[in-house]
Amino acid sequence: MFYIYILRNRKNKLYIGFTTDLKERLKKHNFGSVKSTKPYRPWKLIFYEAYISKKDAKRREKYLKTAKGRTTIKTMLAETLKP
């Protein structure tokens, strides 16, 4: 399976990513092995979607990283993102 996921840190910063091993990827983010997220640890998994097709998963990740995708995330996860 291919996963897209959304992480959130204590300061409500979001990170959107793609992986084939969700548990291992979250460990890497929190251990500091991922350069782009290392300074903002710790991270909490707040959302993920699973896909059979890698192409579909990458397309969804790309969309969620756009301005319109960020709006979708805020609508979709309104209760989760409340401070």
PDB file of N, CA and C in Angstrom:
ATOM      1  N   MET A   1       0.838  -1.183   0.000  1.00  0.00           N
ATOM      2  CA  MET A   1       0.000   0.000   0.000  1.00  0.00           C
ATOM      3  C   MET A   1       0.883   1.247   0.000  1.00  0.00           C
ATOM      4  N   PHE A   2       0.301   2.332  -0.494  1.00  0.00           N
ATOM      5  CA  PHE A   2       0.967   3.633  -0.514  1.00  0.00           C
ATOM      6  C   PHE A   2       0.129   4.591   0.326  1.00  0.00           C
ATOM      7  N   TYR A   3       0.799   5.356   1.168  1.00  0.00           N
ATOM      8  CA  TYR A   3       0.096   6.222   2.107  1.00  0.00           C
ATOM      9  C   TYR A   3       0.482   7.677   1.919  1.00  0.00           C
ATOM     10  N   ILE A   4      -0.505   8.546   2.046  1.00  0.00           N
ATOM     11  CA  ILE A   4      -0.213   9.968   2.226  1.00  0.00           C
ATOM     12  C   ILE A   4      -0.638  10.242   3.662  1.00  0.00           C
ATOM     13  N   TYR A   5       0.085  11.140   4.309  1.00  0.00           N
ATOM     14  CA  TYR A   5      -0.185  11.367   5.719  1.00  0.00           C
ATOM     15  C   TYR A   5       0.004  12.833   6.065  1.00  0.00           C
ATOM     16  N   ILE A   6      -0.632  13.221   7.172  1.00  0.00           N
ATOM     17  CA  ILE A   6      -0.493  14.584   7.677  1.00  0.00           C
ATOM     18  C   ILE A   6      -0.057  14.484   9.129  1.00  0.00           C
ATOM     19  N   LEU A   7       1.017  15.202   9.428  1.00  0.00           N
ATOM     20  CA  LEU A   7       1.537  15.275  10.789  1.00  0.00           C
ATOM     21  C   LEU A   7       1.312  16.680  11.327  1.00  0.00           C
ATOM     22  N   ARG A   8       1.208  16.785  12.646  1.00  0.00           N
ATOM     23  CA  ARG A   8       1.086  18.095  13.291  1.00  0.00           C
ATOM     24  C   ARG A   8       2.015  18.122  14.495  1.00  0.00           C
ATOM     25  N   ASN A   9       2.635  19.281  14.717  1.00  0.00           N
ATOM     26  CA  ASN A   9       3.480  19.410  15.908  1.00  0.00           C
ATOM     27  C   ASN A   9       2.772  20.280  16.947  1.00  0.00           C
ATOM     28  N   ARG A  10       3.441  20.551  18.060  1.00  0.00           N
ATOM     29  CA  ARG A  10       2.833  21.301  19.166  1.00  0.00           C
ATOM     30  C   ARG A  10       2.454  22.731  18.786  1.00  0.00           C
ATOM     31  N   LYS A  11       3.134  23.282  17.801  1.00  0.00           N
ATOM     32  CA  LYS A  11       2.844  24.654  17.368  1.00  0.00           C
ATOM     33  C   LYS A  11       1.855  24.687  16.206  1.00  0.00           C
ATOM     34  N   ASN A  12       1.173  23.569  15.983  1.00  0.00           N
ATOM     35  CA  ASN A  12       0.166  23.413  14.930  1.00  0.00           C
ATOM     36  C   ASN A  12       0.720  23.524  13.515  1.00  0.00           C
ATOM     37  N   LYS A  13       2.008  23.306  13.354  1.00  0.00           N
ATOM     38  CA  LYS A  13       2.607  23.253  12.025  1.00  0.00           C
ATOM     39  C   LYS A  13       2.237  21.898  11.418  1.00  0.00           C
ATOM     40  N   LEU A  14       1.855  21.906  10.135  1.00  0.00           N
ATOM     41  CA  LEU A  14       1.482  20.666   9.459  1.00  0.00           C
ATOM     42  C   LEU A  14       2.564  20.229   8.488  1.00  0.00           C
ATOM     43  N   TYR A  15       2.672  18.935   8.312  1.00  0.00           N
ATOM     44  CA  TYR A  15       3.583  18.354   7.329  1.00  0.00           C
ATOM     45  C   TYR A  15       2.813  17.284   6.573  1.00  0.00           C
ATOM     46  N   ILE A  16       2.888  17.323   5.256  1.00  0.00           N
ATOM     47  CA  ILE A  16       2.205  16.352   4.404  1.00  0.00           C
ATOM     48  C   ILE A  16       3.268  15.516   3.712  1.00  0.00           C
ATOM     49  N   GLY A  17       3.102  14.193   3.747  1.00  0.00           N
ATOM     50  CA  GLY A  17       4.104  13.327   3.150  1.00  0.00           C
ATOM     51  C   GLY A  17       3.523  12.083   2.510  1.00  0.00           C
ATOM     52  N   PHE A  18       4.425  11.283   1.965  1.00  0.00           N
ATOM     53  CA  PHE A  18       4.105  10.056   1.241  1.00  0.00           C
ATOM     54  C   PHE A  18       5.044   8.958   1.723  1.00  0.00           C
ATOM     55  N   THR A  19       4.525   7.733   1.865  1.00  0.00           N
ATOM     56  CA  THR A  19       5.366   6.611   2.294  1.00  0.00           C
ATOM     57  C   THR A  19       4.695   5.276   1.970  1.00  0.00           C
ATOM     58  N   THR A  20       5.475   4.218   2.091  1.00  0.00           N
ATOM     59  CA  THR A  20       4.923   2.868   1.975  1.00  0.00           C
ATOM     60  C   THR A  20       4.892   2.188   3.346  1.00  0.00           C
ATOM     61  N   ASP A  21       5.542   2.795   4.353  1.00  0.00           N
ATOM     62  CA  ASP A  21       5.576   2.239   5.711  1.00  0.00           C
ATOM     63  C   ASP A  21       5.302   3.377   6.698  1.00  0.00           C
ATOM     64  N   LEU A  22       4.057   3.531   7.042  1.00  0.00           N
ATOM     65  CA  LEU A  22       3.609   4.661   7.855  1.00  0.00           C
ATOM     66  C   LEU A  22       4.241   4.682   9.248  1.00  0.00           C
ATOM     67  N   LYS A  23       4.266   3.555   9.923  1.00  0.00           N
ATOM     68  CA  LYS A  23       4.824   3.507  11.283  1.00  0.00           C
ATOM     69  C   LYS A  23       6.308   3.867  11.294  1.00  0.00           C
ATOM     70  N   GLU A  24       7.041   3.298  10.365  1.00  0.00           N
ATOM     71  CA  GLU A  24       8.481   3.558  10.294  1.00  0.00           C
ATOM     72  C   GLU A  24       8.760   5.017   9.931  1.00  0.00           C
ATOM     73  N   ARG A  25       7.958   5.562   9.028  1.00  0.00           N
ATOM     74  CA  ARG A  25       8.154   6.954   8.607  1.00  0.00           C
ATOM     75  C   ARG A  25       7.904   7.914   9.765  1.00  0.00           C
ATOM     76  N   LEU A  26       6.873   7.656  10.565  1.00  0.00           N
ATOM     77  CA  LEU A  26       6.589   8.508  11.716  1.00  0.00           C
ATOM     78  C   LEU A  26       7.748   8.439  12.719  1.00  0.00           C
ATOM     79  N   LYS A  27       8.290   7.252  12.927  1.00  0.00           N
ATOM     80  CA  LYS A  27       9.456   7.100  13.810  1.00  0.00           C
ATOM     81  C   LYS A  27      10.621   7.947  13.314  1.00  0.00           C
ATOM     82  N   LYS A  28      10.866   7.923  11.995  1.00  0.00           N
ATOM     83  CA  LYS A  28      11.970   8.699  11.417  1.00  0.00           C
ATOM     84  C   LYS A  28      11.770  10.196  11.616  1.00  0.00           C
ATOM     85  N   HIS A  29      10.524  10.657  11.446  1.00  0.00           N
ATOM     86  CA  HIS A  29      10.240  12.078  11.667  1.00  0.00           C
ATOM     87  C   HIS A  29      10.537  12.453  13.115  1.00  0.00           C
ATOM     88  N   ASN A  30      10.112  11.642  14.053  1.00  0.00           N
ATOM     89  CA  ASN A  30      10.280  11.968  15.466  1.00  0.00           C
ATOM     90  C   ASN A  30      11.679  11.706  15.998  1.00  0.00           C
ATOM     91  N   PHE A  31      12.431  10.843  15.350  1.00  0.00           N
ATOM     92  CA  PHE A  31      13.811  10.572  15.747  1.00  0.00           C
ATOM     93  C   PHE A  31      14.749  11.677  15.259  1.00  0.00           C
ATOM     94  N   GLY A  32      14.335  12.384  14.199  1.00  0.00           N
ATOM     95  CA  GLY A  32      15.164  13.455  13.651  1.00  0.00           C
ATOM     96  C   GLY A  32      15.894  13.053  12.393  1.00  0.00           C
ATOM     97  N   SER A  33      15.492  11.948  11.781  1.00  0.00           N
ATOM     98  CA  SER A  33      16.150  11.463  10.572  1.00  0.00           C
ATOM     99  C   SER A  33      15.698  12.197   9.300  1.00  0.00           C
ATOM    100  N   VAL A  34      14.635  12.978   9.414  1.00  0.00           N
ATOM    101  CA  VAL A  34      14.109  13.708   8.253  1.00  0.00           C
ATOM    102  C   VAL A  34      14.500  15.173   8.422  1.00  0.00           C
ATOM    103  N   LYS A  35      15.378  15.635   7.533  1.00  0.00           N
ATOM    104  CA  LYS A  35      15.964  16.967   7.632  1.00  0.00           C
ATOM    105  C   LYS A  35      14.914  18.082   7.725  1.00  0.00           C
ATOM    106  N   SER A  36      13.859  17.985   6.906  1.00  0.00           N
ATOM    107  CA  SER A  36      12.877  19.067   6.848  1.00  0.00           C
ATOM    108  C   SER A  36      11.981  19.160   8.082  1.00  0.00           C
ATOM    109  N   THR A  37      11.868  18.097   8.858  1.00  0.00           N
ATOM    110  CA  THR A  37      10.989  18.128  10.032  1.00  0.00           C
ATOM    111  C   THR A  37      11.749  18.070  11.356  1.00  0.00           C
ATOM    112  N   LYS A  38      13.031  17.829  11.299  1.00  0.00           N
ATOM    113  CA  LYS A  38      13.840  17.655  12.509  1.00  0.00           C
ATOM    114  C   LYS A  38      13.704  18.813  13.509  1.00  0.00           C
ATOM    115  N   PRO A  39      13.768  20.073  13.068  1.00  0.00           N
ATOM    116  CA  PRO A  39      13.704  21.177  14.041  1.00  0.00           C
ATOM    117  C   PRO A  39      12.333  21.367  14.698  1.00  0.00           C
ATOM    118  N   TYR A  40      11.319  20.717  14.183  1.00  0.00           N
ATOM    119  CA  TYR A  40       9.953  20.970  14.649  1.00  0.00           C
ATOM    120  C   TYR A  40       9.348  19.815  15.445  1.00  0.00           C
ATOM    121  N   ARG A  41      10.165  18.880  15.878  1.00  0.00           N
ATOM    122  CA  ARG A  41       9.691  17.714  16.619  1.00  0.00           C
ATOM    123  C   ARG A  41       9.094  18.104  17.954  1.00  0.00           C
ATOM    124  N   PRO A  42       8.230  17.281  18.542  1.00  0.00           N
ATOM    125  CA  PRO A  42       7.718  15.997  18.078  1.00  0.00           C
ATOM    126  C   PRO A  42       6.500  16.165  17.162  1.00  0.00           C
ATOM    127  N   TRP A  43       6.250  15.131  16.371  1.00  0.00           N
ATOM    128  CA  TRP A  43       5.141  15.105  15.416  1.00  0.00           C
ATOM    129  C   TRP A  43       4.113  14.065  15.839  1.00  0.00           C
ATOM    130  N   LYS A  44       2.860  14.374  15.531  1.00  0.00           N
ATOM    131  CA  LYS A  44       1.764  13.450  15.811  1.00  0.00           C
ATOM    132  C   LYS A  44       1.017  13.203  14.504  1.00  0.00           C
ATOM    133  N   LEU A  45       0.741  11.947  14.211  1.00  0.00           N
ATOM    134  CA  LEU A  45      -0.033  11.595  13.021  1.00  0.00           C
ATOM    135  C   LEU A  45      -1.491  11.969  13.269  1.00  0.00           C
ATOM    136  N   ILE A  46      -2.049  12.838  12.401  1.00  0.00           N
ATOM    137  CA  ILE A  46      -3.445  13.239  12.589  1.00  0.00           C
ATOM    138  C   ILE A  46      -4.355  12.749  11.466  1.00  0.00           C
ATOM    139  N   PHE A  47      -3.762  12.286  10.353  1.00  0.00           N
ATOM    140  CA  PHE A  47      -4.586  11.844   9.230  1.00  0.00           C
ATOM    141  C   PHE A  47      -3.735  11.043   8.257  1.00  0.00           C
ATOM    142  N   TYR A  48      -4.353  10.026   7.645  1.00  0.00           N
ATOM    143  CA  TYR A  48      -3.693   9.328   6.546  1.00  0.00           C
ATOM    144  C   TYR A  48      -4.731   8.722   5.618  1.00  0.00           C
ATOM    145  N   GLU A  49      -4.310   8.484   4.387  1.00  0.00           N
ATOM    146  CA  GLU A  49      -5.124   7.788   3.387  1.00  0.00           C
ATOM    147  C   GLU A  49      -4.252   6.708   2.773  1.00  0.00           C
ATOM    148  N   ALA A  50      -4.855   5.571   2.443  1.00  0.00           N
ATOM    149  CA  ALA A  50      -4.132   4.451   1.840  1.00  0.00           C
ATOM    150  C   ALA A  50      -4.584   4.273   0.397  1.00  0.00           C
ATOM    151  N   TYR A  51      -3.627   3.988  -0.472  1.00  0.00           N
ATOM    152  CA  TYR A  51      -3.895   3.796  -1.896  1.00  0.00           C
ATOM    153  C   TYR A  51      -3.224   2.524  -2.395  1.00  0.00           C
ATOM    154  N   ILE A  52      -3.841   1.894  -3.352  1.00  0.00           N
ATOM    155  CA  ILE A  52      -3.251   0.735  -4.017  1.00  0.00           C
ATOM    156  C   ILE A  52      -2.261   1.207  -5.072  1.00  0.00           C
ATOM    157  N   SER A  53      -2.582   2.316  -5.708  1.00  0.00           N
ATOM    158  CA  SER A  53      -1.761   2.864  -6.784  1.00  0.00           C
ATOM    159  C   SER A  53      -0.814   3.956  -6.269  1.00  0.00           C
ATOM    160  N   LYS A  54       0.449   3.822  -6.569  1.00  0.00           N
ATOM    161  CA  LYS A  54       1.437   4.836  -6.201  1.00  0.00           C
ATOM    162  C   LYS A  54       1.121   6.165  -6.881  1.00  0.00           C
ATOM    163  N   LYS A  55       0.714   6.082  -8.126  1.00  0.00           N
ATOM    164  CA  LYS A  55       0.390   7.281  -8.897  1.00  0.00           C
ATOM    165  C   LYS A  55      -0.755   8.073  -8.259  1.00  0.00           C
ATOM    166  N   ASP A  56      -1.786   7.357  -7.809  1.00  0.00           N
ATOM    167  CA  ASP A  56      -2.921   8.011  -7.147  1.00  0.00           C
ATOM    168  C   ASP A  56      -2.486   8.679  -5.840  1.00  0.00           C
ATOM    169  N   ALA A  57      -1.660   7.993  -5.077  1.00  0.00           N
ATOM    170  CA  ALA A  57      -1.186   8.534  -3.801  1.00  0.00           C
ATOM    171  C   ALA A  57      -0.344   9.790  -4.019  1.00  0.00           C
ATOM    172  N   LYS A  58       0.556   9.755  -4.978  1.00  0.00           N
ATOM    173  CA  LYS A  58       1.413  10.907  -5.265  1.00  0.00           C
ATOM    174  C   LYS A  58       0.580  12.091  -5.764  1.00  0.00           C
ATOM    175  N   ARG A  59      -0.438  11.805  -6.561  1.00  0.00           N
ATOM    176  CA  ARG A  59      -1.331  12.854  -7.060  1.00  0.00           C
ATOM    177  C   ARG A  59      -2.049  13.532  -5.895  1.00  0.00           C
ATOM    178  N   ARG A  60      -2.532  12.741  -4.939  1.00  0.00           N
ATOM    179  CA  ARG A  60      -3.231  13.270  -3.773  1.00  0.00           C
ATOM    180  C   ARG A  60      -2.285  14.090  -2.889  1.00  0.00           C
ATOM    181  N   GLU A  61      -1.074  13.598  -2.698  1.00  0.00           N
ATOM    182  CA  GLU A  61      -0.086  14.339  -1.911  1.00  0.00           C
ATOM    183  C   GLU A  61       0.185  15.694  -2.553  1.00  0.00           C
ATOM    184  N   LYS A  62       0.390  15.694  -3.841  1.00  0.00           N
ATOM    185  CA  LYS A  62       0.671  16.933  -4.574  1.00  0.00           C
ATOM    186  C   LYS A  62      -0.482  17.924  -4.413  1.00  0.00           C
ATOM    187  N   TYR A  63      -1.718  17.426  -4.507  1.00  0.00           N
ATOM    188  CA  TYR A  63      -2.897  18.281  -4.352  1.00  0.00           C
ATOM    189  C   TYR A  63      -2.965  18.876  -2.944  1.00  0.00           C
ATOM    190  N   LEU A  64      -2.756  18.043  -1.916  1.00  0.00           N
ATOM    191  CA  LEU A  64      -2.863  18.533  -0.545  1.00  0.00           C
ATOM    192  C   LEU A  64      -1.806  19.577  -0.212  1.00  0.00           C
ATOM    193  N   LYS A  65      -0.731  19.622  -0.961  1.00  0.00           N
ATOM    194  CA  LYS A  65       0.318  20.609  -0.737  1.00  0.00           C
ATOM    195  C   LYS A  65       0.044  21.939  -1.432  1.00  0.00           C
ATOM    196  N   THR A  66      -1.041  22.012  -2.207  1.00  0.00           N
ATOM    197  CA  THR A  66      -1.420  23.269  -2.864  1.00  0.00           C
ATOM    198  C   THR A  66      -2.260  24.111  -1.900  1.00  0.00           C
ATOM    199  N   ALA A  67      -2.495  25.362  -2.264  1.00  0.00           N
ATOM    200  CA  ALA A  67      -3.335  26.241  -1.448  1.00  0.00           C
ATOM    201  C   ALA A  67      -4.750  25.676  -1.330  1.00  0.00           C
ATOM    202  N   LYS A  68      -5.291  25.192  -2.426  1.00  0.00           N
ATOM    203  CA  LYS A  68      -6.634  24.606  -2.397  1.00  0.00           C
ATOM    204  C   LYS A  68      -6.648  23.344  -1.529  1.00  0.00           C
ATOM    205  N   GLY A  69      -5.592  22.558  -1.609  1.00  0.00           N
ATOM    206  CA  GLY A  69      -5.479  21.354  -0.796  1.00  0.00           C
ATOM    207  C   GLY A  69      -5.407  21.683   0.688  1.00  0.00           C
ATOM    208  N   ARG A  70      -4.683  22.737   1.044  1.00  0.00           N
ATOM    209  CA  ARG A  70      -4.598  23.171   2.442  1.00  0.00           C
ATOM    210  C   ARG A  70      -5.978  23.593   2.956  1.00  0.00           C
ATOM    211  N   THR A  71      -6.750  24.246   2.098  1.00  0.00           N
ATOM    212  CA  THR A  71      -8.120  24.620   2.462  1.00  0.00           C
ATOM    213  C   THR A  71      -8.954  23.365   2.695  1.00  0.00           C
ATOM    214  N   THR A  72      -8.786  22.376   1.828  1.00  0.00           N
ATOM    215  CA  THR A  72      -9.497  21.101   1.997  1.00  0.00           C
ATOM    216  C   THR A  72      -9.144  20.462   3.329  1.00  0.00           C
ATOM    217  N   ILE A  73      -7.867  20.477   3.685  1.00  0.00           N
ATOM    218  CA  ILE A  73      -7.412  19.902   4.956  1.00  0.00           C
ATOM    219  C   ILE A  73      -8.078  20.625   6.125  1.00  0.00           C
ATOM    220  N   LYS A  74      -8.092  21.953   6.062  1.00  0.00           N
ATOM    221  CA  LYS A  74      -8.692  22.735   7.157  1.00  0.00           C
ATOM    222  C   LYS A  74     -10.178  22.447   7.302  1.00  0.00           C
ATOM    223  N   THR A  75     -10.860  22.220   6.189  1.00  0.00           N
ATOM    224  CA  THR A  75     -12.288  21.888   6.225  1.00  0.00           C
ATOM    225  C   THR A  75     -12.486  20.471   6.738  1.00  0.00           C
ATOM    226  N   MET A  76     -11.717  19.545   6.190  1.00  0.00           N
ATOM    227  CA  MET A  76     -11.831  18.135   6.508  1.00  0.00           C
ATOM    228  C   MET A  76     -11.517  17.836   7.982  1.00  0.00           C
ATOM    229  N   LEU A  77     -10.528  18.535   8.513  1.00  0.00           N
ATOM    230  CA  LEU A  77     -10.044  18.259   9.872  1.00  0.00           C
ATOM    231  C   LEU A  77     -10.311  19.430  10.826  1.00  0.00           C
ATOM    232  N   ALA A  78     -11.412  20.119  10.626  1.00  0.00           N
ATOM    233  CA  ALA A  78     -11.728  21.312  11.415  1.00  0.00           C
ATOM    234  C   ALA A  78     -11.681  21.054  12.920  1.00  0.00           C
ATOM    235  N   GLU A  79     -12.268  19.977  13.380  1.00  0.00           N
ATOM    236  CA  GLU A  79     -12.271  19.678  14.827  1.00  0.00           C
ATOM    237  C   GLU A  79     -10.883  19.277  15.317  1.00  0.00           C
ATOM    238  N   THR A  80     -10.178  18.504  14.537  1.00  0.00           N
ATOM    239  CA  THR A  80      -8.835  18.052  14.918  1.00  0.00           C
ATOM    240  C   THR A  80      -7.858  19.217  15.007  1.00  0.00           C
ATOM    241  N   LEU A  81      -8.015  20.200  14.136  1.00  0.00           N
ATOM    242  CA  LEU A  81      -7.080  21.325  14.080  1.00  0.00           C
ATOM    243  C   LEU A  81      -7.400  22.463  15.043  1.00  0.00           C
ATOM    244  N   LYS A  82      -8.500  22.325  15.794  1.00  0.00           N
ATOM    245  CA  LYS A  82      -8.815  23.363  16.788  1.00  0.00           C
ATOM    246  C   LYS A  82      -7.712  23.391  17.825  1.00  0.00           C
ATOM    247  N   PRO A  83      -7.317  24.603  18.251  1.00  0.00           N
ATOM    248  CA  PRO A  83      -6.239  24.719  19.265  1.00  0.00           C
ATOM    249  C   PRO A  83      -6.614  24.146  20.606  1.00  0.00           C
TER     250      PRO A  83
END
